[in-house]
């Protein structure tokens, strides 16, 4: 579904991604792990069109998309949920959801109300809060709203950047369960996450980054059982 080959990205003089290559299968949940500054968010931002690569290619569903605008990439079927959610705090919950479907409004206007209902069924805690300002919601509900807004774009590939930041453990488990459910429904997920334990529990495969390079790419079971990998890059943790 997604193939990245020889990707190089710079932030000014900083070489943020160095010859990054990876493949993501349809229906896979890939966890991208690593320390702060490893290049994880840059990778997601480049896939979403926020950064233009200096070299390399990104092929999504057999089409080259590297360097395309974020709008075109959303239309192609990729949606990014950025770190800190970036919801529109001054708009209502419903308006935030509608913003996710903005690019579909002319062609799929009739289908949008049904999509809203599906999102609210997926996140029942948002039901009855449609008129509330998004900024008045708790962190967990804001994260659910951010995911719901992305789903309104009808993506086939969902990119999430640190969805567990600032959330209680119970809410984190709920968010992770929702991601698994979306994967099972056919949505491919790439998850950047500092919460290694939570990510490894739900991921099919794991990619570990360090200083802009991929240092490991394999199954989640391999990552859990590899004590050297845990110690060197992920931190020892009992799974």
Protein backbone atom coordinates (compact mmCIF):
# COMPACT_ATOMS: atom_id res chain seq x y z
CA UNK A 1 0.00 0.00 0.00
CA UNK A 2 2.77 2.43 0.98
CA UNK A 3 6.38 2.27 -0.15
CA UNK A 4 9.07 4.74 0.88
CA UNK A 5 12.44 4.53 -0.84
CA UNK A 6 15.63 6.44 -0.03
CA UNK A 7 13.89 9.38 1.63
CA UNK A 8 16.04 12.34 2.66
CA UNK A 9 14.52 15.38 4.39
CA UNK A 10 16.21 18.50 5.72
CA UNK A 11 15.06 21.13 8.19
CA UNK A 12 17.37 23.93 7.18
CA UNK A 13 20.85 22.49 7.63
CA UNK A 14 19.61 19.63 9.81
CA UNK A 15 19.47 16.28 8.01
CA UNK A 16 16.26 15.04 9.66
CA UNK A 17 15.65 11.85 7.60
CA UNK A 18 18.56 9.89 6.15
CA UNK A 19 17.93 7.38 3.37
CA UNK A 20 14.70 6.11 4.96
CA UNK A 21 13.00 3.16 3.25
CA UNK A 22 9.98 1.19 4.45
CA UNK A 23 6.89 -0.64 3.30
CA UNK A 24 3.45 -0.73 4.92
CA UNK A 25 0.92 -3.38 3.95
CA UNK A 26 -2.81 -2.84 3.56
CA UNK A 27 -4.54 -3.27 6.94
CA UNK A 28 -1.29 -3.15 8.92
CA UNK A 29 -0.72 -1.23 12.15
CA UNK A 30 2.89 -0.04 12.12
CA UNK A 31 4.35 1.51 15.28
CA UNK A 32 7.20 3.98 14.78
CA UNK A 33 9.29 4.21 17.95
CA UNK A 34 12.40 6.06 19.07
CA UNK A 35 13.66 8.89 21.25
CA UNK A 36 12.80 12.56 20.81
CA UNK A 37 14.57 13.95 17.77
CA UNK A 38 14.81 10.58 16.03
CA UNK A 39 12.83 11.82 13.02
CA UNK A 40 9.49 10.16 13.72
CA UNK A 41 7.32 13.27 13.39
CA UNK A 42 9.28 14.39 10.34
CA UNK A 43 8.52 11.05 8.72
CA UNK A 44 4.79 11.47 9.29
CA UNK A 45 4.88 15.10 8.19
CA UNK A 46 6.65 14.16 4.97
CA UNK A 47 4.13 11.42 4.23
CA UNK A 48 1.35 13.98 4.81
CA UNK A 49 2.92 16.59 2.53
CA UNK A 50 4.03 19.04 5.22
CA UNK A 51 7.71 18.65 4.29
CA UNK A 52 9.20 18.19 0.84
CA UNK A 53 11.92 15.55 0.55
CA UNK A 54 15.30 16.42 -0.90
CA UNK A 55 15.58 12.91 -2.32
CA UNK A 56 13.69 9.66 -2.50
CA UNK A 57 10.18 8.63 -3.41
CA UNK A 58 6.89 7.92 -1.68
CA UNK A 59 4.51 5.59 -3.50
CA UNK A 60 0.98 5.30 -2.15
CA UNK A 61 -1.42 2.91 -3.82
CA UNK A 62 0.84 2.75 -6.89
CA UNK A 63 1.06 6.54 -7.28
CA UNK A 64 4.04 8.77 -6.54
CA UNK A 65 3.07 11.44 -4.00
CA UNK A 66 6.38 12.83 -2.70
CA UNK A 67 6.33 16.63 -2.65
CA UNK A 68 2.60 16.95 -3.31
CA UNK A 69 0.55 19.44 -1.30
CA UNK A 70 -1.17 18.32 1.91
CA UNK A 71 -4.55 18.89 0.24
CA UNK A 72 -3.73 16.53 -2.61
CA UNK A 73 -2.43 13.92 -0.22
CA UNK A 74 -5.61 14.08 1.87
CA UNK A 75 -7.62 13.63 -1.31
CA UNK A 76 -5.43 10.63 -2.17
CA UNK A 77 -6.51 8.96 1.07
CA UNK A 78 -3.93 9.87 3.75
CA UNK A 79 -4.96 11.70 6.92
CA UNK A 80 -2.62 12.98 9.65
CA UNK A 81 -3.56 13.44 13.30
CA UNK A 82 -0.77 15.72 14.49
CA UNK A 83 0.88 15.82 17.88
CA UNK A 84 -1.16 17.92 20.36
CA UNK A 85 -4.25 17.16 18.21
CA UNK A 86 -4.49 20.69 16.70
CA UNK A 87 -8.26 20.80 16.95
CA UNK A 88 -10.09 24.08 16.35
CA UNK A 89 -10.72 25.02 19.99
CA UNK A 90 -13.08 27.91 19.19
CA UNK A 91 -15.31 25.79 16.98
CA UNK A 92 -17.91 23.26 18.07
CA UNK A 93 -17.39 19.52 18.03
CA UNK A 94 -19.65 19.26 14.99
CA UNK A 95 -17.81 22.02 13.13
CA UNK A 96 -14.51 20.25 13.78
CA UNK A 97 -15.92 17.06 12.30
CA UNK A 98 -17.23 18.91 9.29
CA UNK A 99 -13.81 20.48 8.72
CA UNK A 100 -12.44 16.97 8.26
CA UNK A 101 -14.81 16.46 5.34
CA UNK A 102 -14.24 19.89 3.80
CA UNK A 103 -12.59 18.58 0.64
CA UNK A 104 -15.49 16.17 0.08
CA UNK A 105 -18.26 18.71 0.47
CA UNK A 106 -19.02 19.31 -3.20
CA UNK A 107 -18.91 15.69 -4.36
CA UNK A 108 -20.06 13.73 -1.28
CA UNK A 109 -22.29 16.21 0.54
CA UNK A 110 -25.13 13.70 0.85
CA UNK A 111 -22.89 11.11 2.54
CA UNK A 112 -21.37 13.40 5.16
CA UNK A 113 -24.24 13.18 7.72
CA UNK A 114 -23.95 9.39 7.69
CA UNK A 115 -20.22 9.65 8.26
CA UNK A 116 -20.82 11.94 11.24
CA UNK A 117 -23.16 9.34 12.72
CA UNK A 118 -20.55 6.64 12.26
CA UNK A 119 -17.89 8.73 14.01
CA UNK A 120 -20.23 9.43 16.92
CA UNK A 121 -21.01 5.72 17.18
CA UNK A 122 -17.28 5.02 17.30
CA UNK A 123 -16.83 7.68 20.00
CA UNK A 124 -20.06 7.59 22.05
CA UNK A 125 -18.61 9.99 24.63
CA UNK A 126 -18.88 12.72 21.98
CA UNK A 127 -22.61 12.12 21.55
CA UNK A 128 -24.59 14.98 23.02
CA UNK A 129 -21.52 17.23 22.89
CA UNK A 130 -21.86 18.21 19.23
CA UNK A 131 -22.58 21.86 20.04
CA UNK A 132 -19.92 22.16 22.74
CA UNK A 133 -16.75 24.09 21.99
CA UNK A 134 -13.95 21.68 21.21
CA UNK A 135 -11.66 23.56 23.58
CA UNK A 136 -13.95 22.74 26.50
CA UNK A 137 -13.42 18.99 26.12
CA UNK A 138 -11.03 16.91 28.20
CA UNK A 139 -7.75 15.80 26.65
CA UNK A 140 -9.11 12.34 25.98
CA UNK A 141 -12.23 13.65 24.26
CA UNK A 142 -10.13 16.07 22.22
CA UNK A 143 -8.02 13.16 21.01
CA UNK A 144 -11.15 11.24 20.07
CA UNK A 145 -12.40 14.32 18.23
CA UNK A 146 -9.08 14.64 16.39
CA UNK A 147 -9.31 11.03 15.26
CA UNK A 148 -12.95 11.49 14.30
CA UNK A 149 -12.12 14.60 12.28
CA UNK A 150 -9.46 12.64 10.38
CA UNK A 151 -11.89 9.78 9.72
CA UNK A 152 -14.31 12.25 8.14
CA UNK A 153 -11.81 12.48 5.27
CA UNK A 154 -12.41 8.75 4.63
CA UNK A 155 -8.71 7.87 4.68
CA UNK A 156 -7.30 4.50 3.77
CA UNK A 157 -4.07 5.40 5.62
CA UNK A 158 -4.20 7.08 9.03
CA UNK A 159 -1.08 8.72 10.49
CA UNK A 160 -1.06 9.41 14.24
CA UNK A 161 1.61 11.42 16.03
CA UNK A 162 1.84 10.73 19.78
CA UNK A 163 -1.89 10.22 20.50
CA UNK A 164 -1.27 9.19 24.11
CA UNK A 165 0.46 12.41 25.23
CA UNK A 166 -1.11 13.80 28.40
CA UNK A 167 -3.79 11.13 28.65
CA UNK A 168 -4.65 8.88 31.59
CA UNK A 169 -3.72 5.19 31.20
CA UNK A 170 -7.36 4.14 30.93
CA UNK A 171 -7.95 6.60 28.09
CA UNK A 172 -4.76 5.46 26.36
CA UNK A 173 -6.00 1.87 26.40
CA UNK A 174 -9.32 2.99 24.93
CA UNK A 175 -7.60 4.94 22.15
CA UNK A 176 -5.38 1.98 21.31
CA UNK A 177 -8.39 -0.35 21.20
CA UNK A 178 -10.07 2.04 18.77
CA UNK A 179 -7.00 1.98 16.52
CA UNK A 180 -7.07 -1.81 16.48
CA UNK A 181 -10.75 -1.67 15.55
CA UNK A 182 -10.05 0.71 12.69
CA UNK A 183 -7.28 -1.56 11.44
CA UNK A 184 -9.65 -4.51 11.50
CA UNK A 185 -12.14 -2.47 9.47
CA UNK A 186 -9.54 -1.99 6.74
CA UNK A 187 -7.84 1.29 7.64
CA UNK A 188 -4.05 1.10 7.62
CA UNK A 189 -2.43 2.83 10.60
CA UNK A 190 1.04 4.29 11.14
CA UNK A 191 1.43 5.17 14.81
CA UNK A 192 4.24 7.32 16.22
CA UNK A 193 4.29 6.76 19.95
CA UNK A 194 6.51 7.39 22.98
CA UNK A 195 4.44 4.97 25.05
CA UNK A 196 6.37 1.93 23.91
CA UNK A 197 4.42 -0.54 26.00
CA UNK A 198 1.04 0.58 24.65
CA UNK A 199 2.28 0.67 21.06
CA UNK A 200 3.86 -2.78 21.10
CA UNK A 201 0.66 -4.30 22.46
CA UNK A 202 -1.39 -3.23 19.43
CA UNK A 203 1.13 -3.09 16.58
CA UNK A 204 1.63 -5.72 13.91
CA UNK A 205 5.09 -4.43 13.09
CA UNK A 206 7.59 -2.01 14.58
CA UNK A 207 10.00 0.49 13.09
CA UNK A 208 12.64 1.99 15.39
CA UNK A 209 14.37 5.25 14.44
CA UNK A 210 17.52 6.91 15.73
CA UNK A 211 18.95 10.21 14.48
CA UNK A 212 16.96 10.15 11.28
CA UNK A 213 17.75 6.55 10.39
CA UNK A 214 15.84 3.28 10.68
CA UNK A 215 17.74 0.96 12.99
CA UNK A 216 15.14 -1.81 13.22
CA UNK A 217 12.09 -2.92 11.25
CA UNK A 218 10.32 -6.14 12.16
CA UNK A 219 7.33 -7.69 13.86
CA UNK A 220 6.10 -6.48 17.24
CA UNK A 221 6.73 -9.95 18.66
CA UNK A 222 10.38 -9.68 17.65
CA UNK A 223 10.68 -6.28 19.31
CA UNK A 224 9.10 -7.54 22.53
CA UNK A 225 11.37 -10.58 22.74
CA UNK A 226 14.61 -8.83 21.70
CA UNK A 227 16.21 -7.76 24.99
CA UNK A 228 19.11 -5.99 23.27
CA UNK A 229 16.70 -3.90 21.18
CA UNK A 230 14.65 -3.09 24.26
CA UNK A 231 17.70 -1.99 26.20
CA UNK A 232 19.36 -0.04 23.43
CA UNK A 233 16.40 1.81 21.92
CA UNK A 234 13.11 1.19 23.69
CA UNK A 235 13.96 0.95 27.36
CA UNK A 236 13.48 -2.28 29.24
CA UNK A 237 9.84 -2.83 30.10
CA UNK A 238 7.90 -5.88 31.15
CA UNK A 239 5.22 -6.53 28.55
